[in-house]
Protein backbone atom coordinates (compact mmCIF):
# COMPACT_ATOMS: atom_id res chain seq x y z
CA MET A 1 -9.32 18.90 -15.51
CA SER A 2 -12.16 18.13 -12.49
CA ILE A 3 -11.77 14.57 -9.90
CA ASP A 4 -15.42 15.15 -9.11
CA PHE A 5 -17.07 11.47 -9.38
CA THR A 6 -19.38 9.99 -11.25
CA PRO A 7 -22.73 8.68 -10.26
CA GLU A 8 -21.27 5.16 -10.26
CA GLN A 9 -17.36 5.99 -8.72
CA MET A 10 -19.98 7.62 -5.75
CA GLN A 11 -21.89 4.84 -5.53
CA ILE A 12 -18.37 2.94 -5.29
CA GLN A 13 -17.40 5.02 -2.41
CA GLN A 14 -20.96 4.94 -0.15
CA SER A 15 -20.84 1.34 -0.60
CA VAL A 16 -17.26 0.77 0.76
CA THR A 17 -18.19 3.10 3.55
CA ARG A 18 -21.43 1.39 4.42
CA LEU A 19 -19.56 -1.82 4.34
CA CYS A 20 -16.48 -1.13 6.86
CA ALA A 21 -19.08 0.71 9.14
CA GLU A 22 -19.60 -2.87 10.17
CA PHE A 23 -15.86 -3.11 11.31
CA GLY A 24 -15.98 0.28 13.66
CA ASP A 25 -13.04 1.97 15.16
CA GLU A 26 -13.83 -1.00 18.04
CA TYR A 27 -12.92 -3.89 15.64
CA TRP A 28 -9.88 -2.28 15.08
CA LEU A 29 -8.35 -1.29 18.42
CA GLU A 30 -9.24 -4.80 19.15
CA ARG A 31 -6.86 -6.11 16.28
CA ASP A 32 -4.19 -3.71 17.29
CA ARG A 33 -4.20 -5.16 20.83
CA ASP A 34 -4.84 -8.80 19.70
CA GLU A 35 -2.45 -8.46 16.45
CA LYS A 36 -5.03 -11.19 14.52
CA PHE A 37 -4.90 -10.80 10.92
CA PRO A 38 -8.14 -9.29 9.80
CA GLU A 39 -9.20 -11.79 7.50
CA ASP A 40 -13.08 -11.65 8.40
CA PHE A 41 -12.75 -7.92 6.75
CA CYS A 42 -10.64 -9.00 3.51
CA GLN A 43 -12.94 -11.50 3.02
CA ALA A 44 -16.17 -9.34 2.69
CA ILE A 45 -13.99 -6.77 0.69
CA ALA A 46 -13.60 -9.92 -1.75
CA ASP A 47 -17.52 -11.00 -1.28
CA ASN A 48 -18.44 -7.92 -2.34
CA GLY A 49 -16.52 -7.86 -5.18
CA TYR A 50 -14.13 -5.35 -4.61
CA MET A 51 -10.44 -7.02 -4.47
CA GLY A 52 -10.79 -7.22 -8.14
CA ILE A 53 -12.09 -3.78 -8.84
CA ALA A 54 -8.81 -3.13 -11.32
CA MET A 55 -8.34 -6.68 -12.25
CA PRO A 56 -9.58 -7.26 -16.03
CA GLU A 57 -13.43 -8.51 -15.93
CA GLU A 58 -12.73 -11.75 -17.72
CA TYR A 59 -10.82 -12.81 -14.60
CA GLY A 60 -13.49 -12.14 -12.63
CA GLY A 61 -12.23 -8.54 -11.84
CA SER A 62 -14.62 -5.54 -12.57
CA GLY A 63 -12.28 -3.75 -15.22
CA LEU A 64 -11.98 -0.56 -13.81
CA GLY A 65 -9.36 1.86 -12.74
CA ILE A 66 -6.72 2.96 -10.56
CA THR A 67 -9.30 6.15 -10.17
CA GLU A 68 -11.62 3.53 -8.56
CA ALA A 69 -9.20 1.64 -6.47
CA ALA A 70 -8.38 4.95 -5.15
CA ILE A 71 -11.57 5.82 -4.22
CA LEU A 72 -11.87 1.99 -2.47
CA MET A 73 -8.66 2.20 -0.61
CA GLN A 74 -9.75 5.90 0.48
CA ALA A 75 -12.92 4.79 2.21
CA ILE A 76 -11.58 1.82 3.80
CA SER A 77 -8.53 3.91 6.04
CA GLN A 78 -11.16 7.41 5.95
CA SER A 79 -13.38 4.60 7.89
CA GLY A 80 -11.28 4.12 10.73
CA ALA A 81 -9.61 0.99 9.35
CA GLY A 82 -6.74 3.09 8.70
CA ASN A 83 -3.41 1.66 7.02
CA GLY A 84 -4.57 -1.95 8.90
CA GLY A 85 -7.32 -1.97 6.38
CA VAL A 86 -5.56 -0.95 3.49
CA SER A 87 -2.45 -2.82 4.06
CA SER A 88 -4.57 -6.12 4.73
CA VAL A 89 -6.15 -5.91 1.07
CA SER A 90 -3.44 -4.01 -0.66
CA LEU A 91 -1.41 -6.52 -2.31
CA GLY A 92 -4.43 -8.42 -3.59
CA ILE A 93 -6.11 -4.89 -5.48
CA PHE A 94 -2.82 -4.17 -7.16
CA GLY A 95 -0.24 -6.08 -6.34
CA LEU A 96 -0.42 -8.71 -9.31
CA ASN A 97 -0.49 -5.55 -11.63
CA PRO A 98 2.60 -7.25 -13.76
CA VAL A 99 0.48 -10.71 -13.82
CA VAL A 100 -2.42 -8.41 -15.57
CA HIS A 101 0.03 -6.99 -18.09
CA TYR A 102 3.08 -9.38 -18.81
CA GLY A 103 1.80 -12.61 -18.01
CA THR A 104 0.56 -15.32 -20.60
CA GLU A 105 -3.14 -15.74 -20.90
CA ALA A 106 -2.35 -18.98 -19.25
CA GLN A 107 -0.99 -17.65 -16.01
CA LYS A 108 -3.39 -14.72 -16.23
CA SER A 109 -6.65 -17.77 -16.34
CA ARG A 110 -4.60 -19.33 -13.19
CA MET A 111 -3.26 -16.71 -11.01
CA LEU A 112 -5.93 -13.86 -11.23
CA PRO A 113 -9.35 -15.72 -9.97
CA PRO A 114 -8.05 -16.91 -6.84
CA ILE A 115 -6.57 -14.04 -5.76
CA ILE A 116 -10.06 -11.87 -6.49
CA CYS A 117 -11.93 -14.36 -4.52
CA ARG A 118 -9.19 -14.29 -1.74
CA ASP A 119 -8.72 -18.48 -2.42
CA ASP A 120 -5.15 -17.65 -2.49
CA ILE A 121 -3.57 -14.72 -0.44
CA ALA A 122 0.01 -13.28 -1.63
CA CYS A 123 2.72 -11.66 -0.17
CA PHE A 124 5.17 -9.71 -1.92
CA ALA A 125 9.09 -9.91 -1.85
CA VAL A 126 11.23 -7.79 -3.09
CA THR A 127 13.12 -5.57 -0.38
CA GLU A 128 16.23 -6.84 1.37
CA ALA A 129 18.07 -5.81 4.58
CA GLU A 130 21.10 -4.54 2.98
CA THR A 131 20.15 -3.10 -0.28
CA GLY A 132 17.10 -1.00 1.13
CA LEU A 133 15.41 1.58 -1.68
CA ASP A 134 18.60 0.33 -4.03
CA THR A 135 16.42 -2.09 -5.53
CA THR A 136 18.75 -2.85 -8.21
CA ARG A 137 21.23 -4.15 -6.26
CA LEU A 138 19.13 -7.15 -5.01
CA LYS A 139 20.97 -10.25 -3.85
CA THR A 140 18.18 -12.52 -3.39
CA LYS A 141 19.50 -15.95 -6.58
CA ALA A 142 16.83 -17.75 -8.61
CA VAL A 143 19.30 -20.34 -10.07
CA ARG A 144 17.83 -22.35 -13.02
CA LYS A 145 17.97 -26.16 -12.90
CA ASN A 146 16.08 -27.64 -15.60
CA ASP A 147 12.63 -27.00 -15.34
CA ARG A 148 12.88 -25.09 -12.09
CA TYR A 149 14.56 -22.24 -10.58
CA VAL A 150 16.39 -22.65 -6.85
CA VAL A 151 15.81 -19.57 -4.12
CA HIS A 152 18.57 -18.78 -1.94
CA GLY A 153 18.54 -15.46 0.08
CA GLN A 154 16.36 -13.64 2.04
CA LYS A 155 14.05 -10.76 2.13
CA ALA A 156 12.90 -8.19 4.90
CA TRP A 157 9.61 -6.34 5.54
CA THR A 158 7.59 -8.92 3.59
CA THR A 159 4.19 -7.94 4.25
CA THR A 160 1.40 -10.52 4.89
CA ALA A 161 4.06 -13.51 4.70
CA GLN A 162 2.25 -15.22 8.01
CA VAL A 163 -0.69 -15.78 6.36
CA ALA A 164 -0.11 -16.18 2.59
CA ASN A 165 -0.14 -18.94 0.32
CA LYS A 166 1.58 -17.02 -2.64
CA ILE A 167 4.55 -15.23 -2.61
CA LEU A 168 5.39 -12.65 -5.86
CA LEU A 169 9.17 -12.48 -5.51
CA ILE A 170 11.60 -10.93 -7.62
CA ALA A 171 15.14 -12.16 -7.22
CA ARG A 172 18.78 -12.19 -9.20
CA THR A 173 19.07 -15.04 -12.33
CA ALA A 174 21.66 -13.53 -13.58
CA GLU A 175 25.26 -12.19 -11.73
CA GLU A 176 25.60 -8.45 -11.40
CA SER A 177 29.19 -8.32 -13.51
CA PRO A 178 27.86 -9.78 -17.04
CA THR A 179 25.00 -7.68 -16.69
CA GLY A 180 25.28 -4.24 -18.60
CA LYS A 181 22.29 -2.72 -15.77
CA PRO A 182 22.19 -4.25 -12.33
CA ILE A 183 18.43 -4.57 -13.21
CA ASP A 184 19.12 -6.80 -16.26
CA GLY A 185 19.94 -9.65 -14.18
CA LEU A 186 16.59 -9.49 -12.00
CA SER A 187 13.33 -11.92 -12.71
CA LEU A 188 10.06 -12.10 -11.73
CA PHE A 189 8.17 -14.95 -10.08
CA TYR A 190 4.74 -15.49 -8.72
CA THR A 191 4.39 -18.90 -7.18
CA ASP A 192 3.24 -21.58 -4.29
CA LEU A 193 5.20 -20.13 -0.46
CA ASP A 194 6.66 -23.51 0.10
CA ARG A 195 7.07 -22.95 3.68
CA SER A 196 9.37 -26.08 4.03
CA LYS A 197 12.06 -24.42 2.56
CA VAL A 198 11.08 -21.09 3.82
CA GLU A 199 11.74 -19.60 7.22
CA ILE A 200 9.62 -16.40 8.22
CA ARG A 201 10.00 -14.44 11.13
CA LYS A 202 7.75 -11.55 12.43
CA ILE A 203 9.31 -8.20 12.88
CA PRO A 204 7.61 -6.29 15.96
CA LYS A 205 6.93 -3.07 14.79
CA MET A 206 5.47 0.08 16.08
CA GLY A 207 2.05 0.21 14.33
CA ARG A 208 -0.44 -1.97 11.92
CA GLU A 209 0.74 -5.12 14.22
CA CYS A 210 -2.60 -6.71 12.84
CA VAL A 211 -0.92 -6.58 9.37
CA ASP A 212 2.37 -8.70 9.55
CA SER A 213 5.84 -7.62 8.39
CA ASN A 214 8.54 -10.32 8.09
CA LEU A 215 11.96 -11.34 7.54
CA VAL A 216 11.77 -14.35 5.03
CA PHE A 217 14.77 -16.66 4.71
CA PHE A 218 14.87 -19.16 1.49
CA ASP A 219 16.99 -22.26 1.75
CA GLY A 220 16.33 -23.67 -1.72
CA MET A 221 12.55 -23.05 -2.34
CA GLU A 222 11.90 -24.17 -5.75
CA ILE A 223 9.80 -22.49 -8.18
CA PRO A 224 8.69 -23.99 -11.59
CA PHE A 225 9.42 -22.55 -14.86
CA GLU A 226 5.83 -21.74 -16.17
CA ASP A 227 5.75 -19.41 -12.32
CA ARG A 228 8.18 -16.88 -14.31
CA ILE A 229 6.44 -13.52 -15.18
CA GLY A 230 7.60 -12.34 -18.73
CA GLU A 231 11.00 -12.46 -19.74
CA GLU A 232 14.37 -13.93 -17.78
CA GLY A 233 16.35 -10.83 -16.61
CA LYS A 234 13.24 -8.02 -17.15
CA GLY A 235 11.43 -8.86 -13.87
CA PHE A 236 12.27 -5.07 -12.28
CA ARG A 237 11.04 -3.41 -15.72
CA TYR A 238 7.35 -5.45 -15.12
CA LEU A 239 7.81 -4.01 -11.57
CA LEU A 240 7.97 -0.58 -12.57
CA HIS A 241 4.52 -1.05 -14.22
CA GLY A 242 3.21 -1.12 -10.38
CA ILE A 243 5.15 1.79 -8.87
CA ASN A 244 3.06 4.63 -10.15
CA PRO A 245 -0.32 3.18 -9.08
CA GLU A 246 1.23 1.79 -5.89
CA ARG A 247 2.14 5.93 -5.09
CA ILE A 248 -0.86 6.60 -5.73
CA LEU A 249 -3.09 4.36 -3.99
CA ILE A 250 -1.12 5.14 -0.43
CA ALA A 251 -1.94 8.94 -1.41
CA ALA A 252 -5.29 8.06 -1.17
CA GLY A 253 -4.92 5.93 1.88
CA LEU A 254 -3.12 8.10 3.21
CA VAL A 255 -5.69 11.01 2.75
CA GLY A 256 -8.46 9.13 4.39
CA LEU A 257 -6.35 8.25 6.92
CA GLY A 258 -5.68 11.99 7.51
CA ARG A 259 -9.66 12.46 7.43
CA ALA A 260 -10.45 10.07 10.40
CA ALA A 261 -7.83 11.78 12.65
CA LEU A 262 -9.22 15.28 11.37
CA HIS A 263 -12.69 14.31 11.86
CA LYS A 264 -12.03 12.85 15.89
CA ALA A 265 -10.42 16.49 16.68
CA THR A 266 -13.16 18.58 15.28
CA GLU A 267 -15.50 16.41 17.35
CA TYR A 268 -13.93 16.59 19.96
CA ALA A 269 -12.99 20.26 19.91
CA LYS A 270 -16.49 20.95 19.70
CA GLU A 271 -17.45 18.57 22.55
CA ARG A 272 -14.74 19.74 25.28
CA VAL A 273 -15.54 22.44 27.13
CA VAL A 274 -12.77 23.99 29.60
CA PHE A 275 -12.63 27.67 30.97
CA GLY A 276 -16.67 27.54 30.48
CA ARG A 277 -16.49 27.43 26.73
CA PRO A 278 -15.75 24.61 24.03
CA ILE A 279 -12.07 24.35 22.92
CA GLY A 280 -12.88 24.71 19.31
CA MET A 281 -13.68 28.58 19.67
CA ASN A 282 -10.43 29.17 20.32
CA GLN A 283 -7.99 29.97 17.42
CA GLY A 284 -5.29 28.30 18.23
CA ILE A 285 -7.48 24.97 18.12
CA GLN A 286 -8.95 26.03 14.90
CA HIS A 287 -6.45 26.97 13.21
CA PRO A 288 -4.16 23.88 12.62
CA LEU A 289 -7.25 22.16 12.11
CA ALA A 290 -8.02 24.53 9.13
CA GLN A 291 -4.46 24.19 7.78
CA ASN A 292 -5.13 20.44 7.97
CA TRP A 293 -8.26 20.37 5.94
CA ALA A 294 -6.32 22.38 3.39
CA GLU A 295 -3.40 20.44 3.18
CA LEU A 296 -5.21 17.21 3.21
CA GLU A 297 -7.34 18.40 0.18
CA ALA A 298 -4.76 19.63 -1.61
CA ALA A 299 -2.88 16.11 -1.53
CA ASN A 300 -6.32 14.77 -2.73
CA LEU A 301 -6.20 16.72 -5.67
CA MET A 302 -2.31 15.75 -6.59
CA ALA A 303 -3.52 11.65 -6.16
CA PHE A 304 -6.77 11.89 -7.97
CA ARG A 305 -4.87 14.02 -10.96
CA ALA A 306 -2.35 11.38 -10.75
CA ALA A 307 -4.78 8.51 -11.09
CA ASP A 308 -6.63 10.45 -14.02
CA LEU A 309 -3.39 10.55 -15.70
CA TYR A 310 -2.24 7.35 -15.37
CA ASP A 311 -5.92 5.52 -16.37
CA ARG A 312 -5.58 7.44 -19.53
CA GLY A 313 -1.95 5.89 -20.33
CA GLU A 314 -0.30 9.02 -19.48
CA ASP A 315 2.93 9.82 -18.01
CA CYS A 316 2.25 10.15 -14.40
CA GLY A 317 5.55 9.67 -12.62
CA ALA A 318 5.96 13.31 -11.17
CA MET A 319 2.50 13.17 -10.03
CA ALA A 320 1.90 10.28 -8.27
CA ASN A 321 5.18 10.74 -6.27
CA ALA A 322 4.48 13.86 -5.22
CA ALA A 323 0.86 12.69 -4.36
CA LYS A 324 2.84 10.16 -2.23
CA TYR A 325 4.59 12.96 -0.34
CA LEU A 326 1.95 15.54 -0.05
CA ALA A 327 0.22 12.77 1.09
CA GLY A 328 2.34 11.84 3.74
CA GLU A 329 2.92 15.01 5.28
CA ALA A 330 -0.06 15.91 5.57
CA ALA A 331 -1.71 12.46 6.98
CA PHE A 332 1.34 12.86 9.49
CA LYS A 333 0.64 16.70 10.30
CA ALA A 334 -3.45 15.80 10.82
CA CYS A 335 -2.86 12.95 12.99
CA ASN A 336 -0.27 15.06 15.35
CA THR A 337 -3.09 18.05 15.50
CA ALA A 338 -5.35 15.42 16.40
CA ILE A 339 -3.70 13.85 19.17
CA MET A 340 -2.47 17.82 20.94
CA THR A 341 -6.29 18.82 20.06
CA LEU A 342 -7.31 15.90 22.60
CA GLY A 343 -4.54 16.74 24.87
CA GLY A 344 -3.94 13.66 27.11
CA MET A 345 -7.11 11.65 25.61
CA GLY A 346 -4.88 11.53 22.76
CA TYR A 347 -2.89 9.79 24.23
CA ALA A 348 -5.42 6.82 25.71
CA LYS A 349 -6.15 4.08 22.90
CA GLU A 350 -9.38 4.25 23.38
CA TYR A 351 -9.62 7.90 21.46
CA HIS A 352 -7.92 5.96 18.20
CA VAL A 353 -5.93 9.08 16.99
CA GLU A 354 -2.72 7.97 18.67
CA ARG A 355 -3.16 4.60 16.56
CA TYR A 356 -3.88 6.45 13.49
CA MET A 357 -0.44 8.46 14.38
CA ARG A 358 1.46 5.26 14.26
CA GLU A 359 -0.09 3.63 11.24
CA ALA A 360 0.62 7.32 9.13
CA LEU A 361 3.92 6.59 9.85
CA ILE A 362 4.29 3.58 7.75
CA HIS A 363 3.49 4.77 4.64
CA ARG A 364 5.44 8.05 5.15
CA ILE A 365 8.27 5.97 4.95
CA ALA A 366 7.52 2.95 2.92
CA PRO A 367 8.25 2.06 0.08
CA ILE A 368 9.26 5.00 -0.61
CA THR A 369 10.80 7.69 1.92
CA PRO A 370 9.91 11.50 1.43
CA HIS A 371 13.60 12.19 0.63
CA LEU A 372 14.60 10.21 -2.19
CA ILE A 373 10.71 11.42 -3.70
CA LEU A 374 11.98 14.73 -3.29
CA CYS A 375 15.38 13.84 -5.11
CA TYR A 376 13.26 12.31 -7.78
CA ILE A 377 11.07 15.51 -8.23
CA ALA A 378 14.50 17.30 -8.59
CA GLU A 379 16.05 15.00 -10.95
CA ARG A 380 13.24 14.31 -13.42
CA VAL A 381 10.78 17.59 -13.29
CA LEU A 382 13.52 20.03 -12.43
CA GLY A 383 15.99 18.84 -14.39
CA LEU A 384 19.25 18.84 -11.34
CA PRO A 385 21.57 16.38 -11.17
CA LYS A 386 21.44 13.14 -9.98
CA SER A 387 22.36 13.28 -6.23
CA TYR A 388 22.94 9.58 -5.49
């Protein structure tokens, strides 16, 4: 199996790289300082046709696969946009996969084109403060009343809720006790974000401040019946269809971020002269950087192996999770090495690598921690008993 890109895939990589060059390091440094959402960057991605890269052509997309979407995400991150660039567009690129696969024809025709051209901006409300990664135990309720559902509850870490007009929401439509499994009572909706019935509080955080994360409180927000995706009570199963692509795209983006840090460190090591010689002549500098390169390339192979399996319709769960784990660890190490290579200047914002480090931590933790990935592999691949 080879992950050599086709000429068409190489063209995507090169075109996105050229586009991202218009939004260089100083642009993302300024967004890190002023915390403004990078809407001009997002619109440029949409205007050039990349927002719908993996969506069906009949709805305005390009009809390509997760492999091409991963190439896109990696090129964005590697340009220096990092997690800020990736997270600003990620939901528009793969977040509506459940609509693509489980929505009605009317829903797809109504919901997908505005996301692709960015007339609509969506946020994704899944995580809750009290349940964390135990997603099957979500508490937010959507109670059916005639032709509508009425939502009460709260979500945490909802990305882009400050700028969104749409929300992809999973909520409980049946109590836990009457159902055979907790997931059987969860339903999925894609609907208008009615701010008159929702309170949104931005969470100040360590990095990626230009792409907001939020607490969202629902107080009677109404959802029309026609905005429910698929059958009632099967929403969690629909979300599972998007989990592996999410892991793959995050892994590709993390590799890109690690490569950006490695490039900064390598260039600095060539130019920085101490005791009459470039510091890059010292093996104490060379070896960690070389190790970073090897680890990033290994993670990249795993990410695109998983993407290939997904696009061929084969089971890719283990590969997708392993890719996310390996890329998270490799990107974190590369960012740390970059800071140490630059020394004091690595701590200075103008050299960007401290921003890369802060942003690398986000997807090292989310949407699944490295610890739970290892639990998944231990159970599903090695056949060990479930530990949680």
